[in-house]
Amino acid sequence: MLSVAAAVAEGTTRIINAGRLRIKECDRLAAMHSELNKLGADITEEPEGLLINGKPEGLAGGASVDAWNDHRIAMSMAVATLVCKEPVCLTGGESVSKSYPEFWKDYASVGGQAETV
């Protein structure tokens, strides 16, 4: 979630000393770099973190992103869609059931729109 917030914040954010995120359910640094950049973010992956140049105007969207079979990536990508100008297709969203089975219901309650296809 920090990388999503940084992607639309003013200025540059550097996430450092985060190499342990590479050995979770997926390589979370690579996942956030890959998927947020698909939405129009400006993120550079570094060995131990991410360099994120914020875009306060929001992200373009209009792309397909993947959850990498990781509940935290799925929830982060869902929140990222809220700052996208165009709709986003997320695959692997069912992974949220691992830690937050009611996520999609709560997401809708704050204005998020999701369809299962």
PDB file of N, CA and C in Angstrom:
ATOM      1  N   MET A   1       0.819  -1.193   0.000  1.00  0.00           N
ATOM      2  CA  MET A   1       0.000   0.000   0.000  1.00  0.00           C
ATOM      3  C   MET A   1       0.865   1.260   0.000  1.00  0.00           C
ATOM      4  N   LEU A   2       2.012   1.189   0.656  1.00  0.00           N
ATOM      5  CA  LEU A   2       2.907   2.344   0.667  1.00  0.00           C
ATOM      6  C   LEU A   2       3.335   2.704  -0.747  1.00  0.00           C
ATOM      7  N   SER A   3       3.618   1.709  -1.562  1.00  0.00           N
ATOM      8  CA  SER A   3       4.046   2.004  -2.937  1.00  0.00           C
ATOM      9  C   SER A   3       2.899   2.586  -3.760  1.00  0.00           C
ATOM     10  N   VAL A   4       1.673   2.194  -3.493  1.00  0.00           N
ATOM     11  CA  VAL A   4       0.519   2.780  -4.188  1.00  0.00           C
ATOM     12  C   VAL A   4       0.383   4.246  -3.797  1.00  0.00           C
ATOM     13  N   ALA A   5       0.446   4.530  -2.499  1.00  0.00           N
ATOM     14  CA  ALA A   5       0.344   5.918  -2.041  1.00  0.00           C
ATOM     15  C   ALA A   5       1.478   6.769  -2.619  1.00  0.00           C
ATOM     16  N   ALA A   6       2.688   6.225  -2.616  1.00  0.00           N
ATOM     17  CA  ALA A   6       3.840   6.967  -3.139  1.00  0.00           C
ATOM     18  C   ALA A   6       3.704   7.214  -4.640  1.00  0.00           C
ATOM     19  N   ALA A   7       3.078   6.291  -5.352  1.00  0.00           N
ATOM     20  CA  ALA A   7       2.930   6.426  -6.802  1.00  0.00           C
ATOM     21  C   ALA A   7       2.096   7.638  -7.194  1.00  0.00           C
ATOM     22  N   VAL A   8       1.234   8.102  -6.274  1.00  0.00           N
ATOM     23  CA  VAL A   8       0.392   9.263  -6.585  1.00  0.00           C
ATOM     24  C   VAL A   8       0.664  10.440  -5.647  1.00  0.00           C
ATOM     25  N   ALA A   9       1.744  10.359  -4.890  1.00  0.00           N
ATOM     26  CA  ALA A   9       2.132  11.460  -3.998  1.00  0.00           C
ATOM     27  C   ALA A   9       3.004  12.448  -4.756  1.00  0.00           C
ATOM     28  N   GLU A  10       3.127  13.613  -4.206  1.00  0.00           N
ATOM     29  CA  GLU A  10       4.042  14.603  -4.769  1.00  0.00           C
ATOM     30  C   GLU A  10       5.476  14.232  -4.388  1.00  0.00           C
ATOM     31  N   GLY A  11       6.388  14.346  -5.325  1.00  0.00           N
ATOM     32  CA  GLY A  11       7.796  14.122  -5.032  1.00  0.00           C
ATOM     33  C   GLY A  11       8.236  12.683  -5.252  1.00  0.00           C
ATOM     34  N   THR A  12       9.400  12.377  -4.704  1.00  0.00           N
ATOM     35  CA  THR A  12      10.026  11.069  -4.879  1.00  0.00           C
ATOM     36  C   THR A  12      10.071  10.347  -3.548  1.00  0.00           C
ATOM     37  N   THR A  13       9.736   9.070  -3.585  1.00  0.00           N
ATOM     38  CA  THR A  13       9.796   8.213  -2.402  1.00  0.00           C
ATOM     39  C   THR A  13      10.784   7.101  -2.682  1.00  0.00           C
ATOM     40  N   ARG A  14      11.646   6.818  -1.726  1.00  0.00           N
ATOM     41  CA  ARG A  14      12.581   5.702  -1.860  1.00  0.00           C
ATOM     42  C   ARG A  14      12.283   4.716  -0.739  1.00  0.00           C
ATOM     43  N   ILE A  15      11.896   3.506  -1.120  1.00  0.00           N
ATOM     44  CA  ILE A  15      11.710   2.430  -0.152  1.00  0.00           C
ATOM     45  C   ILE A  15      13.033   1.687  -0.099  1.00  0.00           C
ATOM     46  N   ILE A  16      13.635   1.627   1.097  1.00  0.00           N
ATOM     47  CA  ILE A  16      14.969   1.044   1.247  1.00  0.00           C
ATOM     48  C   ILE A  16      14.952  -0.110   2.248  1.00  0.00           C
ATOM     49  N   ASN A  17      16.002  -0.906   2.212  1.00  0.00           N
ATOM     50  CA  ASN A  17      16.171  -2.025   3.152  1.00  0.00           C
ATOM     51  C   ASN A  17      14.947  -2.943   3.189  1.00  0.00           C
ATOM     52  N   ALA A  18      14.375  -3.190   2.036  1.00  0.00           N
ATOM     53  CA  ALA A  18      13.145  -3.977   1.953  1.00  0.00           C
ATOM     54  C   ALA A  18      13.345  -5.288   1.188  1.00  0.00           C
ATOM     55  N   GLY A  19      14.572  -5.746   1.085  1.00  0.00           N
ATOM     56  CA  GLY A  19      14.854  -6.963   0.323  1.00  0.00           C
ATOM     57  C   GLY A  19      14.095  -8.184   0.804  1.00  0.00           C
ATOM     58  N   ARG A  20      13.723  -8.231   2.084  1.00  0.00           N
ATOM     59  CA  ARG A  20      12.983  -9.394   2.592  1.00  0.00           C
ATOM     60  C   ARG A  20      11.614  -9.547   1.928  1.00  0.00           C
ATOM     61  N   LEU A  21      11.120  -8.477   1.302  1.00  0.00           N
ATOM     62  CA  LEU A  21       9.834  -8.557   0.599  1.00  0.00           C
ATOM     63  C   LEU A  21       9.912  -9.433  -0.653  1.00  0.00           C
ATOM     64  N   ARG A  22      11.108  -9.798  -1.039  1.00  0.00           N
ATOM     65  CA  ARG A  22      11.270 -10.663  -2.212  1.00  0.00           C
ATOM     66  C   ARG A  22      10.972 -12.131  -1.886  1.00  0.00           C
ATOM     67  N   ILE A  23      10.873 -12.483  -0.594  1.00  0.00           N
ATOM     68  CA  ILE A  23      10.693 -13.892  -0.216  1.00  0.00           C
ATOM     69  C   ILE A  23       9.374 -14.123   0.522  1.00  0.00           C
ATOM     70  N   LYS A  24       8.348 -13.378   0.186  1.00  0.00           N
ATOM     71  CA  LYS A  24       7.015 -13.570   0.749  1.00  0.00           C
ATOM     72  C   LYS A  24       6.232 -14.483  -0.202  1.00  0.00           C
ATOM     73  N   GLU A  25       4.916 -14.328  -0.286  1.00  0.00           N
ATOM     74  CA  GLU A  25       4.136 -15.157  -1.214  1.00  0.00           C
ATOM     75  C   GLU A  25       4.625 -15.006  -2.646  1.00  0.00           C
ATOM     76  N   CYS A  26       5.157 -13.844  -2.935  1.00  0.00           N
ATOM     77  CA  CYS A  26       5.797 -13.574  -4.228  1.00  0.00           C
ATOM     78  C   CYS A  26       6.895 -12.556  -3.976  1.00  0.00           C
ATOM     79  N   ASP A  27       7.603 -12.182  -5.001  1.00  0.00           N
ATOM     80  CA  ASP A  27       8.585 -11.106  -4.898  1.00  0.00           C
ATOM     81  C   ASP A  27       7.792  -9.801  -4.948  1.00  0.00           C
ATOM     82  N   ARG A  28       7.466  -9.279  -3.786  1.00  0.00           N
ATOM     83  CA  ARG A  28       6.577  -8.117  -3.713  1.00  0.00           C
ATOM     84  C   ARG A  28       7.199  -6.851  -4.305  1.00  0.00           C
ATOM     85  N   LEU A  29       8.490  -6.707  -4.256  1.00  0.00           N
ATOM     86  CA  LEU A  29       9.120  -5.549  -4.893  1.00  0.00           C
ATOM     87  C   LEU A  29       8.943  -5.625  -6.407  1.00  0.00           C
ATOM     88  N   ALA A  30       9.226  -6.776  -6.973  1.00  0.00           N
ATOM     89  CA  ALA A  30       9.057  -6.960  -8.421  1.00  0.00           C
ATOM     90  C   ALA A  30       7.595  -6.810  -8.819  1.00  0.00           C
ATOM     91  N   ALA A  31       6.701  -7.344  -7.999  1.00  0.00           N
ATOM     92  CA  ALA A  31       5.269  -7.282  -8.317  1.00  0.00           C
ATOM     93  C   ALA A  31       4.772  -5.838  -8.354  1.00  0.00           C
ATOM     94  N   MET A  32       5.099  -5.065  -7.339  1.00  0.00           N
ATOM     95  CA  MET A  32       4.619  -3.688  -7.305  1.00  0.00           C
ATOM     96  C   MET A  32       5.258  -2.860  -8.415  1.00  0.00           C
ATOM     97  N   HIS A  33       6.524  -3.091  -8.687  1.00  0.00           N
ATOM     98  CA  HIS A  33       7.197  -2.406  -9.794  1.00  0.00           C
ATOM     99  C   HIS A  33       6.482  -2.727 -11.107  1.00  0.00           C
ATOM    100  N   SER A  34       6.291  -3.994 -11.372  1.00  0.00           N
ATOM    101  CA  SER A  34       5.686  -4.429 -12.624  1.00  0.00           C
ATOM    102  C   SER A  34       4.248  -3.933 -12.785  1.00  0.00           C
ATOM    103  N   GLU A  35       3.422  -4.210 -11.795  1.00  0.00           N
ATOM    104  CA  GLU A  35       1.989  -3.952 -11.952  1.00  0.00           C
ATOM    105  C   GLU A  35       1.635  -2.473 -11.866  1.00  0.00           C
ATOM    106  N   LEU A  36       2.265  -1.723 -10.963  1.00  0.00           N
ATOM    107  CA  LEU A  36       1.973  -0.287 -10.911  1.00  0.00           C
ATOM    108  C   LEU A  36       2.480   0.432 -12.157  1.00  0.00           C
ATOM    109  N   ASN A  37       3.617   0.017 -12.692  1.00  0.00           N
ATOM    110  CA  ASN A  37       4.092   0.639 -13.935  1.00  0.00           C
ATOM    111  C   ASN A  37       3.129   0.384 -15.087  1.00  0.00           C
ATOM    112  N   LYS A  38       2.469  -0.769 -15.098  1.00  0.00           N
ATOM    113  CA  LYS A  38       1.455  -1.044 -16.129  1.00  0.00           C
ATOM    114  C   LYS A  38       0.329  -0.014 -16.068  1.00  0.00           C
ATOM    115  N   LEU A  39       0.079   0.509 -14.864  1.00  0.00           N
ATOM    116  CA  LEU A  39      -0.993   1.495 -14.690  1.00  0.00           C
ATOM    117  C   LEU A  39      -0.529   2.920 -14.948  1.00  0.00           C
ATOM    118  N   GLY A  40       0.757   3.083 -15.225  1.00  0.00           N
ATOM    119  CA  GLY A  40       1.281   4.408 -15.544  1.00  0.00           C
ATOM    120  C   GLY A  40       2.145   5.024 -14.467  1.00  0.00           C
ATOM    121  N   ALA A  41       2.486   4.258 -13.426  1.00  0.00           N
ATOM    122  CA  ALA A  41       3.369   4.769 -12.379  1.00  0.00           C
ATOM    123  C   ALA A  41       4.797   4.889 -12.918  1.00  0.00           C
ATOM    124  N   ASP A  42       5.630   5.571 -12.170  1.00  0.00           N
ATOM    125  CA  ASP A  42       7.036   5.748 -12.527  1.00  0.00           C
ATOM    126  C   ASP A  42       7.876   5.171 -11.390  1.00  0.00           C
ATOM    127  N   ILE A  43       8.127   3.861 -11.475  1.00  0.00           N
ATOM    128  CA  ILE A  43       8.822   3.150 -10.407  1.00  0.00           C
ATOM    129  C   ILE A  43      10.030   2.422 -10.980  1.00  0.00           C
ATOM    130  N   THR A  44      11.145   2.553 -10.282  1.00  0.00           N
ATOM    131  CA  THR A  44      12.360   1.822 -10.627  1.00  0.00           C
ATOM    132  C   THR A  44      12.613   0.811  -9.519  1.00  0.00           C
ATOM    133  N   GLU A  45      12.827  -0.426  -9.911  1.00  0.00           N
ATOM    134  CA  GLU A  45      13.137  -1.482  -8.946  1.00  0.00           C
ATOM    135  C   GLU A  45      14.628  -1.456  -8.651  1.00  0.00           C
ATOM    136  N   GLU A  46      14.964  -1.511  -7.375  1.00  0.00           N
ATOM    137  CA  GLU A  46      16.348  -1.560  -6.925  1.00  0.00           C
ATOM    138  C   GLU A  46      16.561  -2.870  -6.172  1.00  0.00           C
ATOM    139  N   PRO A  47      17.788  -3.288  -5.939  1.00  0.00           N
ATOM    140  CA  PRO A  47      18.024  -4.566  -5.261  1.00  0.00           C
ATOM    141  C   PRO A  47      17.324  -4.691  -3.904  1.00  0.00           C
ATOM    142  N   GLU A  48      17.287  -3.602  -3.150  1.00  0.00           N
ATOM    143  CA  GLU A  48      16.705  -3.648  -1.801  1.00  0.00           C
ATOM    144  C   GLU A  48      15.477  -2.763  -1.643  1.00  0.00           C
ATOM    145  N   GLY A  49      14.873  -2.333  -2.753  1.00  0.00           N
ATOM    146  CA  GLY A  49      13.711  -1.464  -2.610  1.00  0.00           C
ATOM    147  C   GLY A  49      13.191  -0.925  -3.918  1.00  0.00           C
ATOM    148  N   LEU A  50      12.496   0.195  -3.825  1.00  0.00           N
ATOM    149  CA  LEU A  50      11.879   0.838  -4.975  1.00  0.00           C
ATOM    150  C   LEU A  50      12.145   2.338  -4.930  1.00  0.00           C
ATOM    151  N   LEU A  51      12.307   2.924  -6.096  1.00  0.00           N
ATOM    152  CA  LEU A  51      12.404   4.374  -6.250  1.00  0.00           C
ATOM    153  C   LEU A  51      11.136   4.793  -6.980  1.00  0.00           C
ATOM    154  N   ILE A  52      10.315   5.598  -6.331  1.00  0.00           N
ATOM    155  CA  ILE A  52       8.990   5.931  -6.861  1.00  0.00           C
ATOM    156  C   ILE A  52       8.880   7.431  -7.064  1.00  0.00           C
ATOM    157  N   ASN A  53       8.688   7.838  -8.312  1.00  0.00           N
ATOM    158  CA  ASN A  53       8.448   9.240  -8.651  1.00  0.00           C
ATOM    159  C   ASN A  53       6.941   9.432  -8.718  1.00  0.00           C
ATOM    160  N   GLY A  54       6.413  10.188  -7.777  1.00  0.00           N
ATOM    161  CA  GLY A  54       4.969  10.348  -7.659  1.00  0.00           C
ATOM    162  C   GLY A  54       4.326  11.091  -8.813  1.00  0.00           C
ATOM    163  N   LYS A  55       3.087  10.716  -9.066  1.00  0.00           N
ATOM    164  CA  LYS A  55       2.261  11.373 -10.083  1.00  0.00           C
ATOM    165  C   LYS A  55       0.966  11.809  -9.407  1.00  0.00           C
ATOM    166  N   PRO A  56       0.973  12.987  -8.787  1.00  0.00           N
ATOM    167  CA  PRO A  56      -0.202  13.422  -8.037  1.00  0.00           C
ATOM    168  C   PRO A  56      -1.463  13.570  -8.879  1.00  0.00           C
ATOM    169  N   GLU A  57      -1.297  13.630 -10.181  1.00  0.00           N
ATOM    170  CA  GLU A  57      -2.468  13.731 -11.061  1.00  0.00           C
ATOM    171  C   GLU A  57      -3.183  12.391 -11.208  1.00  0.00           C
ATOM    172  N   GLY A  58      -2.627  11.332 -10.674  1.00  0.00           N
ATOM    173  CA  GLY A  58      -3.238  10.004 -10.766  1.00  0.00           C
ATOM    174  C   GLY A  58      -2.546   9.161 -11.824  1.00  0.00           C
ATOM    175  N   LEU A  59      -3.038   7.951 -11.972  1.00  0.00           N
ATOM    176  CA  LEU A  59      -2.456   7.003 -12.920  1.00  0.00           C
ATOM    177  C   LEU A  59      -3.386   6.814 -14.102  1.00  0.00           C
ATOM    178  N   ALA A  60      -2.844   6.403 -15.219  1.00  0.00           N
ATOM    179  CA  ALA A  60      -3.635   6.227 -16.439  1.00  0.00           C
ATOM    180  C   ALA A  60      -4.606   5.059 -16.322  1.00  0.00           C
ATOM    181  N   GLY A  61      -4.132   3.922 -15.828  1.00  0.00           N
ATOM    182  CA  GLY A  61      -4.987   2.725 -15.798  1.00  0.00           C
ATOM    183  C   GLY A  61      -5.114   2.158 -17.196  1.00  0.00           C
ATOM    184  N   GLY A  62      -6.286   1.597 -17.503  1.00  0.00           N
ATOM    185  CA  GLY A  62      -6.530   1.055 -18.828  1.00  0.00           C
ATOM    186  C   GLY A  62      -5.677  -0.148 -19.165  1.00  0.00           C
ATOM    187  N   ALA A  63      -5.289  -0.925 -18.167  1.00  0.00           N
ATOM    188  CA  ALA A  63      -4.413  -2.070 -18.390  1.00  0.00           C
ATOM    189  C   ALA A  63      -4.899  -3.268 -17.581  1.00  0.00           C
ATOM    190  N   SER A  64      -4.310  -4.409 -17.876  1.00  0.00           N
ATOM    191  CA  SER A  64      -4.551  -5.615 -17.083  1.00  0.00           C
ATOM    192  C   SER A  64      -3.376  -5.802 -16.146  1.00  0.00           C
ATOM    193  N   VAL A  65      -3.675  -6.065 -14.880  1.00  0.00           N
ATOM    194  CA  VAL A  65      -2.645  -6.315 -13.883  1.00  0.00           C
ATOM    195  C   VAL A  65      -2.923  -7.649 -13.206  1.00  0.00           C
ATOM    196  N   ASP A  66      -1.901  -8.194 -12.573  1.00  0.00           N
ATOM    197  CA  ASP A  66      -2.020  -9.502 -11.938  1.00  0.00           C
ATOM    198  C   ASP A  66      -1.683  -9.393 -10.454  1.00  0.00           C
ATOM    199  N   ALA A  67      -2.319 -10.220  -9.651  1.00  0.00           N
ATOM    200  CA  ALA A  67      -2.089 -10.227  -8.203  1.00  0.00           C
ATOM    201  C   ALA A  67      -0.907 -11.095  -7.801  1.00  0.00           C
ATOM    202  N   TRP A  68      -0.300 -11.784  -8.721  1.00  0.00           N
ATOM    203  CA  TRP A  68       0.861 -12.630  -8.445  1.00  0.00           C
ATOM    204  C   TRP A  68       0.536 -13.677  -7.373  1.00  0.00           C
ATOM    205  N   ASN A  69      -0.714 -14.087  -7.276  1.00  0.00           N
ATOM    206  CA  ASN A  69      -1.171 -15.067  -6.288  1.00  0.00           C
ATOM    207  C   ASN A  69      -0.840 -14.615  -4.860  1.00  0.00           C
ATOM    208  N   ASP A  70      -0.925 -13.314  -4.619  1.00  0.00           N
ATOM    209  CA  ASP A  70      -0.564 -12.729  -3.332  1.00  0.00           C
ATOM    210  C   ASP A  70      -1.684 -11.790  -2.884  1.00  0.00           C
ATOM    211  N   HIS A  71      -2.259 -12.068  -1.743  1.00  0.00           N
ATOM    212  CA  HIS A  71      -3.381 -11.288  -1.232  1.00  0.00           C
ATOM    213  C   HIS A  71      -3.036  -9.812  -1.065  1.00  0.00           C
ATOM    214  N   ARG A  72      -1.845  -9.492  -0.627  1.00  0.00           N
ATOM    215  CA  ARG A  72      -1.474  -8.094  -0.424  1.00  0.00           C
ATOM    216  C   ARG A  72      -1.306  -7.347  -1.752  1.00  0.00           C
ATOM    217  N   ILE A  73      -0.814  -8.025  -2.761  1.00  0.00           N
ATOM    218  CA  ILE A  73      -0.705  -7.406  -4.089  1.00  0.00           C
ATOM    219  C   ILE A  73      -2.105  -7.171  -4.645  1.00  0.00           C
ATOM    220  N   ALA A  74      -2.994  -8.138  -4.489  1.00  0.00           N
ATOM    221  CA  ALA A  74      -4.369  -7.990  -4.983  1.00  0.00           C
ATOM    222  C   ALA A  74      -5.052  -6.786  -4.357  1.00  0.00           C
ATOM    223  N   MET A  75      -4.948  -6.657  -3.034  1.00  0.00           N
ATOM    224  CA  MET A  75      -5.601  -5.523  -2.355  1.00  0.00           C
ATOM    225  C   MET A  75      -4.952  -4.202  -2.754  1.00  0.00           C
ATOM    226  N   SER A  76      -3.641  -4.188  -2.891  1.00  0.00           N
ATOM    227  CA  SER A  76      -2.950  -2.966  -3.311  1.00  0.00           C
ATOM    228  C   SER A  76      -3.374  -2.545  -4.716  1.00  0.00           C
ATOM    229  N   MET A  77      -3.471  -3.500  -5.617  1.00  0.00           N
ATOM    230  CA  MET A  77      -3.879  -3.175  -6.985  1.00  0.00           C
ATOM    231  C   MET A  77      -5.331  -2.679  -7.020  1.00  0.00           C
ATOM    232  N   ALA A  78      -6.171  -3.266  -6.192  1.00  0.00           N
ATOM    233  CA  ALA A  78      -7.561  -2.802  -6.128  1.00  0.00           C
ATOM    234  C   ALA A  78      -7.612  -1.342  -5.686  1.00  0.00           C
ATOM    235  N   VAL A  79      -6.863  -1.003  -4.654  1.00  0.00           N
ATOM    236  CA  VAL A  79      -6.838   0.385  -4.185  1.00  0.00           C
ATOM    237  C   VAL A  79      -6.237   1.293  -5.259  1.00  0.00           C
ATOM    238  N   ALA A  80      -5.235   0.820  -5.966  1.00  0.00           N
ATOM    239  CA  ALA A  80      -4.624   1.626  -7.035  1.00  0.00           C
ATOM    240  C   ALA A  80      -5.637   1.971  -8.120  1.00  0.00           C
ATOM    241  N   THR A  81      -6.587   1.091  -8.380  1.00  0.00           N
ATOM    242  CA  THR A  81      -7.573   1.389  -9.422  1.00  0.00           C
ATOM    243  C   THR A  81      -8.395   2.624  -9.085  1.00  0.00           C
ATOM    244  N   LEU A  82      -8.493   2.951  -7.807  1.00  0.00           N
ATOM    245  CA  LEU A  82      -9.282   4.115  -7.395  1.00  0.00           C
ATOM    246  C   LEU A  82      -8.657   5.434  -7.843  1.00  0.00           C
ATOM    247  N   VAL A  83      -7.375   5.417  -8.198  1.00  0.00           N
ATOM    248  CA  VAL A  83      -6.702   6.636  -8.668  1.00  0.00           C
ATOM    249  C   VAL A  83      -6.342   6.538 -10.153  1.00  0.00           C
ATOM    250  N   CYS A  84      -6.999   5.620 -10.853  1.00  0.00           N
ATOM    251  CA  CYS A  84      -6.770   5.449 -12.295  1.00  0.00           C
ATOM    252  C   CYS A  84      -7.865   6.136 -13.099  1.00  0.00           C
ATOM    253  N   LYS A  85      -7.463   6.706 -14.222  1.00  0.00           N
ATOM    254  CA  LYS A  85      -8.413   7.389 -15.100  1.00  0.00           C
ATOM    255  C   LYS A  85      -9.240   6.413 -15.921  1.00  0.00           C
ATOM    256  N   GLU A  86      -8.676   5.260 -16.248  1.00  0.00           N
ATOM    257  CA  GLU A  86      -9.352   4.246 -17.063  1.00  0.00           C
ATOM    258  C   GLU A  86      -9.531   2.969 -16.249  1.00  0.00           C
ATOM    259  N   PRO A  87     -10.527   2.158 -16.594  1.00  0.00           N
ATOM    260  CA  PRO A  87     -10.748   0.901 -15.867  1.00  0.00           C
ATOM    261  C   PRO A  87      -9.544  -0.039 -15.953  1.00  0.00           C
ATOM    262  N   VAL A  88      -9.441  -0.914 -14.969  1.00  0.00           N
ATOM    263  CA  VAL A  88      -8.336  -1.861 -14.848  1.00  0.00           C
ATOM    264  C   VAL A  88      -8.910  -3.255 -14.695  1.00  0.00           C
ATOM    265  N   CYS A  89      -8.280  -4.233 -15.318  1.00  0.00           N
ATOM    266  CA  CYS A  89      -8.657  -5.640 -15.163  1.00  0.00           C
ATOM    267  C   CYS A  89      -7.619  -6.299 -14.250  1.00  0.00           C
ATOM    268  N   LEU A  90      -8.074  -6.838 -13.127  1.00  0.00           N
ATOM    269  CA  LEU A  90      -7.191  -7.498 -12.169  1.00  0.00           C
ATOM    270  C   LEU A  90      -7.449  -9.000 -12.205  1.00  0.00           C
ATOM    271  N   THR A  91      -6.406  -9.784 -12.466  1.00  0.00           N
ATOM    272  CA  THR A  91      -6.530 -11.234 -12.362  1.00  0.00           C
ATOM    273  C   THR A  91      -5.938 -11.671 -11.026  1.00  0.00           C
ATOM    274  N   GLY A  92      -6.528 -12.701 -10.450  1.00  0.00           N
ATOM    275  CA  GLY A  92      -6.040 -13.229  -9.180  1.00  0.00           C
ATOM    276  C   GLY A  92      -6.615 -12.547  -7.958  1.00  0.00           C
ATOM    277  N   GLY A  93      -7.671 -11.799  -8.130  1.00  0.00           N
ATOM    278  CA  GLY A  93      -8.278 -11.086  -7.013  1.00  0.00           C
ATOM    279  C   GLY A  93      -8.841 -11.983  -5.925  1.00  0.00           C
ATOM    280  N   GLU A  94      -9.086 -13.232  -6.258  1.00  0.00           N
ATOM    281  CA  GLU A  94      -9.623 -14.166  -5.253  1.00  0.00           C
ATOM    282  C   GLU A  94      -8.620 -14.450  -4.147  1.00  0.00           C
ATOM    283  N   SER A  95      -7.365 -14.110  -4.356  1.00  0.00           N
ATOM    284  CA  SER A  95      -6.338 -14.361  -3.339  1.00  0.00           C
ATOM    285  C   SER A  95      -6.563 -13.571  -2.055  1.00  0.00           C
ATOM    286  N   VAL A  96      -7.399 -12.536  -2.099  1.00  0.00           N
ATOM    287  CA  VAL A  96      -7.664 -11.757  -0.887  1.00  0.00           C
ATOM    288  C   VAL A  96      -8.326 -12.596   0.201  1.00  0.00           C
ATOM    289  N   SER A  97      -8.952 -13.696  -0.185  1.00  0.00           N
ATOM    290  CA  SER A  97      -9.643 -14.530   0.805  1.00  0.00           C
ATOM    291  C   SER A  97      -8.689 -15.102   1.851  1.00  0.00           C
ATOM    292  N   LYS A  98      -7.407 -15.129   1.554  1.00  0.00           N
ATOM    293  CA  LYS A  98      -6.422 -15.647   2.502  1.00  0.00           C
ATOM    294  C   LYS A  98      -6.414 -14.856   3.804  1.00  0.00           C
ATOM    295  N   SER A  99      -6.514 -13.533   3.711  1.00  0.00           N
ATOM    296  CA  SER A  99      -6.401 -12.704   4.903  1.00  0.00           C
ATOM    297  C   SER A  99      -7.584 -11.778   5.151  1.00  0.00           C
ATOM    298  N   TYR A 100      -8.428 -11.561   4.125  1.00  0.00           N
ATOM    299  CA  TYR A 100      -9.484 -10.551   4.260  1.00  0.00           C
ATOM    300  C   TYR A 100     -10.655 -10.970   3.375  1.00  0.00           C
ATOM    301  N   PRO A 101     -11.394 -12.014   3.776  1.00  0.00           N
ATOM    302  CA  PRO A 101     -12.473 -12.546   2.937  1.00  0.00           C
ATOM    303  C   PRO A 101     -13.548 -11.521   2.554  1.00  0.00           C
ATOM    304  N   GLU A 102     -13.738 -10.504   3.366  1.00  0.00           N
ATOM    305  CA  GLU A 102     -14.759  -9.487   3.091  1.00  0.00           C
ATOM    306  C   GLU A 102     -14.206  -8.286   2.322  1.00  0.00           C
ATOM    307  N   PHE A 103     -12.991  -8.392   1.819  1.00  0.00           N
ATOM    308  CA  PHE A 103     -12.345  -7.254   1.171  1.00  0.00           C
ATOM    309  C   PHE A 103     -13.200  -6.652   0.064  1.00  0.00           C
ATOM    310  N   TRP A 104     -13.693  -7.454  -0.856  1.00  0.00           N
ATOM    311  CA  TRP A 104     -14.415  -6.905  -2.013  1.00  0.00           C
ATOM    312  C   TRP A 104     -15.705  -6.223  -1.588  1.00  0.00           C
ATOM    313  N   LYS A 105     -16.355  -6.728  -0.550  1.00  0.00           N
ATOM    314  CA  LYS A 105     -17.557  -6.081  -0.018  1.00  0.00           C
ATOM    315  C   LYS A 105     -17.179  -4.714   0.563  1.00  0.00           C
ATOM    316  N   ASP A 106     -16.121  -4.667   1.359  1.00  0.00           N
ATOM    317  CA  ASP A 106     -15.678  -3.410   1.949  1.00  0.00           C
ATOM    318  C   ASP A 106     -15.169  -2.445   0.875  1.00  0.00           C
ATOM    319  N   TYR A 107     -14.504  -2.966  -0.128  1.00  0.00           N
ATOM    320  CA  TYR A 107     -14.023  -2.157  -1.254  1.00  0.00           C
ATOM    321  C   TYR A 107     -15.201  -1.452  -1.927  1.00  0.00           C
ATOM    322  N   ALA A 108     -16.269  -2.187  -2.156  1.00  0.00           N
ATOM    323  CA  ALA A 108     -17.463  -1.592  -2.766  1.00  0.00           C
ATOM    324  C   ALA A 108     -18.089  -0.538  -1.853  1.00  0.00           C
ATOM    325  N   SER A 109     -18.026  -0.754  -0.540  1.00  0.00           N
ATOM    326  CA  SER A 109     -18.654   0.197   0.392  1.00  0.00           C
ATOM    327  C   SER A 109     -17.966   1.557   0.416  1.00  0.00           C
ATOM    328  N   VAL A 110     -16.719   1.620  -0.061  1.00  0.00           N
ATOM    329  CA  VAL A 110     -16.020   2.913  -0.122  1.00  0.00           C
ATOM    330  C   VAL A 110     -15.944   3.450  -1.552  1.00  0.00           C
ATOM    331  N   GLY A 111     -16.758   2.889  -2.434  1.00  0.00           N
ATOM    332  CA  GLY A 111     -16.842   3.410  -3.793  1.00  0.00           C
ATOM    333  C   GLY A 111     -16.107   2.624  -4.849  1.00  0.00           C
ATOM    334  N   GLY A 112     -15.424   1.561  -4.471  1.00  0.00           N
ATOM    335  CA  GLY A 112     -14.746   0.733  -5.457  1.00  0.00           C
ATOM    336  C   GLY A 112     -15.752  -0.053  -6.276  1.00  0.00           C
ATOM    337  N   GLN A 113     -15.453  -0.245  -7.523  1.00  0.00           N
ATOM    338  CA  GLN A 113     -16.327  -1.018  -8.397  1.00  0.00           C
ATOM    339  C   GLN A 113     -15.564  -2.236  -8.877  1.00  0.00           C
ATOM    340  N   ALA A 114     -16.185  -3.403  -8.733  1.00  0.00           N
ATOM    341  CA  ALA A 114     -15.555  -4.637  -9.166  1.00  0.00           C
ATOM    342  C   ALA A 114     -16.597  -5.560  -9.781  1.00  0.00           C
ATOM    343  N   GLU A 115     -16.215  -6.208 -10.852  1.00  0.00           N
ATOM    344  CA  GLU A 115     -17.054  -7.217 -11.506  1.00  0.00           C
ATOM    345  C   GLU A 115     -16.227  -8.480 -11.638  1.00  0.00           C
ATOM    346  N   THR A 116     -16.874  -9.618 -11.472  1.00  0.00           N
ATOM    347  CA  THR A 116     -16.202 -10.888 -11.720  1.00  0.00           C
ATOM    348  C   THR A 116     -16.518 -11.301 -13.144  1.00  0.00           C
ATOM    349  N   VAL A 117     -15.481 -11.592 -13.901  1.00  0.00           N
ATOM    350  CA  VAL A 117     -15.691 -12.033 -15.289  1.00  0.00           C
ATOM    351  C   VAL A 117     -15.144 -13.420 -15.486  1.00  0.00           C
TER     352      VAL A 117
END
